[in-house]
C-alpha atoms as a PDB file:
ATOM      1  CA  UNK A   1     -21.466 -31.771 -49.199  1.00  0.00           C
ATOM      2  CA  UNK A   2     -21.439 -31.607 -45.279  1.00  0.00           C
ATOM      3  CA  UNK A   3     -24.321 -30.073 -43.378  1.00  0.00           C
ATOM      4  CA  UNK A   4     -23.541 -26.860 -41.549  1.00  0.00           C
ATOM      5  CA  UNK A   5     -25.684 -25.589 -38.784  1.00  0.00           C
ATOM      6  CA  UNK A   6     -25.946 -21.866 -38.717  1.00  0.00           C
ATOM      7  CA  UNK A   7     -24.711 -19.875 -35.617  1.00  0.00           C
ATOM      8  CA  UNK A   8     -27.371 -19.745 -32.934  1.00  0.00           C
ATOM      9  CA  UNK A   9     -28.167 -16.363 -31.292  1.00  0.00           C
ATOM     10  CA  UNK A  10     -26.243 -17.456 -28.280  1.00  0.00           C
ATOM     11  CA  UNK A  11     -23.087 -18.093 -30.406  1.00  0.00           C
ATOM     12  CA  UNK A  12     -23.300 -14.667 -31.922  1.00  0.00           C
ATOM     13  CA  UNK A  13     -23.681 -13.107 -28.462  1.00  0.00           C
ATOM     14  CA  UNK A  14     -20.700 -14.973 -27.204  1.00  0.00           C
ATOM     15  CA  UNK A  15     -18.679 -13.834 -30.137  1.00  0.00           C
ATOM     16  CA  UNK A  16     -19.655 -10.184 -29.696  1.00  0.00           C
ATOM     17  CA  UNK A  17     -18.751 -10.544 -25.893  1.00  0.00           C
ATOM     18  CA  UNK A  18     -15.463 -11.902 -26.549  1.00  0.00           C
ATOM     19  CA  UNK A  19     -14.726  -9.256 -29.275  1.00  0.00           C
ATOM     20  CA  UNK A  20     -15.742  -6.408 -26.842  1.00  0.00           C
ATOM     21  CA  UNK A  21     -13.648  -7.819 -23.896  1.00  0.00           C
ATOM     22  CA  UNK A  22     -10.666  -8.127 -26.207  1.00  0.00           C
ATOM     23  CA  UNK A  23     -11.026  -4.644 -27.306  1.00  0.00           C
ATOM     24  CA  UNK A  24     -11.391  -3.274 -23.674  1.00  0.00           C
ATOM     25  CA  UNK A  25      -9.373  -5.693 -21.604  1.00  0.00           C
ATOM     26  CA  UNK A  26      -6.292  -3.415 -21.539  1.00  0.00           C
ATOM     27  CA  UNK A  27      -8.419  -0.443 -20.274  1.00  0.00           C
ATOM     28  CA  UNK A  28     -10.118  -2.612 -17.546  1.00  0.00           C
ATOM     29  CA  UNK A  29      -6.815  -3.859 -16.328  1.00  0.00           C
ATOM     30  CA  UNK A  30      -5.338  -0.389 -16.187  1.00  0.00           C
ATOM     31  CA  UNK A  31      -8.386   0.788 -14.132  1.00  0.00           C
ATOM     32  CA  UNK A  32      -7.697  -1.915 -11.621  1.00  0.00           C
ATOM     33  CA  UNK A  33     -10.718  -4.128 -12.044  1.00  0.00           C
ATOM     34  CA  UNK A  34     -10.236  -7.658 -10.903  1.00  0.00           C
ATOM     35  CA  UNK A  35     -10.220 -10.107 -13.754  1.00  0.00           C
ATOM     36  CA  UNK A  36     -13.095 -12.018 -12.203  1.00  0.00           C
ATOM     37  CA  UNK A  37     -15.463  -9.168 -12.931  1.00  0.00           C
ATOM     38  CA  UNK A  38     -14.974  -9.553 -16.630  1.00  0.00           C
ATOM     39  CA  UNK A  39     -14.446 -13.342 -16.735  1.00  0.00           C
ATOM     40  CA  UNK A  40     -17.531 -13.724 -18.826  1.00  0.00           C
ATOM     41  CA  UNK A  41     -20.649 -11.669 -19.766  1.00  0.00           C
ATOM     42  CA  UNK A  42     -22.561 -13.192 -16.792  1.00  0.00           C
ATOM     43  CA  UNK A  43     -19.788 -11.850 -14.455  1.00  0.00           C
ATOM     44  CA  UNK A  44     -19.648  -8.481 -16.162  1.00  0.00           C
ATOM     45  CA  UNK A  45     -23.418  -8.050 -15.853  1.00  0.00           C
ATOM     46  CA  UNK A  46     -23.477  -8.972 -12.325  1.00  0.00           C
ATOM     47  CA  UNK A  47     -20.656  -6.413 -11.621  1.00  0.00           C
ATOM     48  CA  UNK A  48     -22.591  -3.720 -13.579  1.00  0.00           C
ATOM     49  CA  UNK A  49     -25.674  -4.428 -11.490  1.00  0.00           C
ATOM     50  CA  UNK A  50     -24.185  -4.650  -8.186  1.00  0.00           C
ATOM     51  CA  UNK A  51     -20.668  -3.069  -8.179  1.00  0.00           C
ATOM     52  CA  UNK A  52     -19.324  -6.349  -6.976  1.00  0.00           C
ATOM     53  CA  UNK A  53     -20.020 -10.030  -7.823  1.00  0.00           C
ATOM     54  CA  UNK A  54     -23.241 -10.650  -5.962  1.00  0.00           C
ATOM     55  CA  UNK A  55     -24.435 -13.794  -7.847  1.00  0.00           C
ATOM     56  CA  UNK A  56     -20.984 -15.349  -8.480  1.00  0.00           C
ATOM     57  CA  UNK A  57     -18.081 -16.627  -6.363  1.00  0.00           C
ATOM     58  CA  UNK A  58     -15.830 -13.792  -5.717  1.00  0.00           C
ATOM     59  CA  UNK A  59     -12.531 -12.785  -4.026  1.00  0.00           C
ATOM     60  CA  UNK A  60     -14.430  -9.899  -2.545  1.00  0.00           C
ATOM     61  CA  UNK A  61     -13.486  -7.229  -5.063  1.00  0.00           C
ATOM     62  CA  UNK A  62     -15.807  -4.282  -4.855  1.00  0.00           C
ATOM     63  CA  UNK A  63     -15.835  -1.067  -7.165  1.00  0.00           C
ATOM     64  CA  UNK A  64     -15.421   0.828  -3.796  1.00  0.00           C
ATOM     65  CA  UNK A  65     -11.799  -0.736  -3.608  1.00  0.00           C
ATOM     66  CA  UNK A  66     -10.838   1.545  -6.434  1.00  0.00           C
ATOM     67  CA  UNK A  67      -9.102   4.884  -5.873  1.00  0.00           C
ATOM     68  CA  UNK A  68     -10.899   8.156  -6.989  1.00  0.00           C
ATOM     69  CA  UNK A  69      -8.838   8.275 -10.059  1.00  0.00           C
ATOM     70  CA  UNK A  70      -9.594   4.742 -10.922  1.00  0.00           C
ATOM     71  CA  UNK A  71     -13.313   5.390 -10.285  1.00  0.00           C
ATOM     72  CA  UNK A  72     -13.339   8.272 -12.708  1.00  0.00           C
ATOM     73  CA  UNK A  73     -11.579   6.295 -15.292  1.00  0.00           C
ATOM     74  CA  UNK A  74     -14.140   3.452 -14.947  1.00  0.00           C
ATOM     75  CA  UNK A  75     -16.921   6.023 -15.218  1.00  0.00           C
ATOM     76  CA  UNK A  76     -15.524   7.196 -18.478  1.00  0.00           C
ATOM     77  CA  UNK A  77     -15.339   3.613 -19.877  1.00  0.00           C
ATOM     78  CA  UNK A  78     -18.888   2.957 -18.838  1.00  0.00           C
ATOM     79  CA  UNK A  79     -20.186   6.373 -20.053  1.00  0.00           C
ATOM     80  CA  UNK A  80     -18.715   5.467 -23.676  1.00  0.00           C
ATOM     81  CA  UNK A  81     -20.361   2.048 -23.554  1.00  0.00           C
ATOM     82  CA  UNK A  82     -23.615   2.548 -21.764  1.00  0.00           C
ATOM     83  CA  UNK A  83     -24.164   6.175 -21.280  1.00  0.00           C
ATOM     84  CA  UNK A  84     -26.915   6.455 -23.920  1.00  0.00           C
ATOM     85  CA  UNK A  85     -28.327   3.037 -23.372  1.00  0.00           C
ATOM     86  CA  UNK A  86     -32.058   2.736 -22.769  1.00  0.00           C
ATOM     87  CA  UNK A  87     -31.254   1.054 -19.391  1.00  0.00           C
ATOM     88  CA  UNK A  88     -28.228   2.526 -17.681  1.00  0.00           C
ATOM     89  CA  UNK A  89     -26.407   0.051 -15.523  1.00  0.00           C
ATOM     90  CA  UNK A  90     -26.771   0.759 -11.791  1.00  0.00           C
ATOM     91  CA  UNK A  91     -22.950   0.929 -11.469  1.00  0.00           C
ATOM     92  CA  UNK A  92     -22.826   3.744 -13.861  1.00  0.00           C
ATOM     93  CA  UNK A  93     -25.306   5.757 -11.964  1.00  0.00           C
ATOM     94  CA  UNK A  94     -23.447   5.104  -8.732  1.00  0.00           C
ATOM     95  CA  UNK A  95     -20.310   6.243 -10.415  1.00  0.00           C
ATOM     96  CA  UNK A  96     -21.922   9.435 -11.690  1.00  0.00           C
ATOM     97  CA  UNK A  97     -22.959  10.253  -8.138  1.00  0.00           C
ATOM     98  CA  UNK A  98     -19.606   9.315  -6.535  1.00  0.00           C
ATOM     99  CA  UNK A  99     -17.475  11.133  -9.061  1.00  0.00           C
ATOM    100  CA  UNK A 100     -19.420  14.451  -9.046  1.00  0.00           C
END
C-alpha cells in the first residue's frame, strides 16, 4: 500500500480558484478584462484591491480602460461574487460609485 499525503490547505485553495476561474472566464473575457488580471488568484486579488495590477508586472491595463457598459457588467459580476462579503473589495466600491 502506498503512502498518500492529504491535500494541503493551499492545494484546496488552488483547486477552488481554478474551478472559480473556469466558471467565470467567459464572462471576464466578455467584459473586456485583460487576461493578466485573472492569471492566478494573486493577480486577481491585486486587481480587486487596486483596479489594476499594482504588485505584479502589467501591460498597464486598468479598470478605467473599460467602457461604461463594460464597467456595469463588471460590477454585476463582482456584486454576485462579493456583494455580501464581510470585506467588500475596493474595486467593487469604486464601481458602485462610478456606475451610479
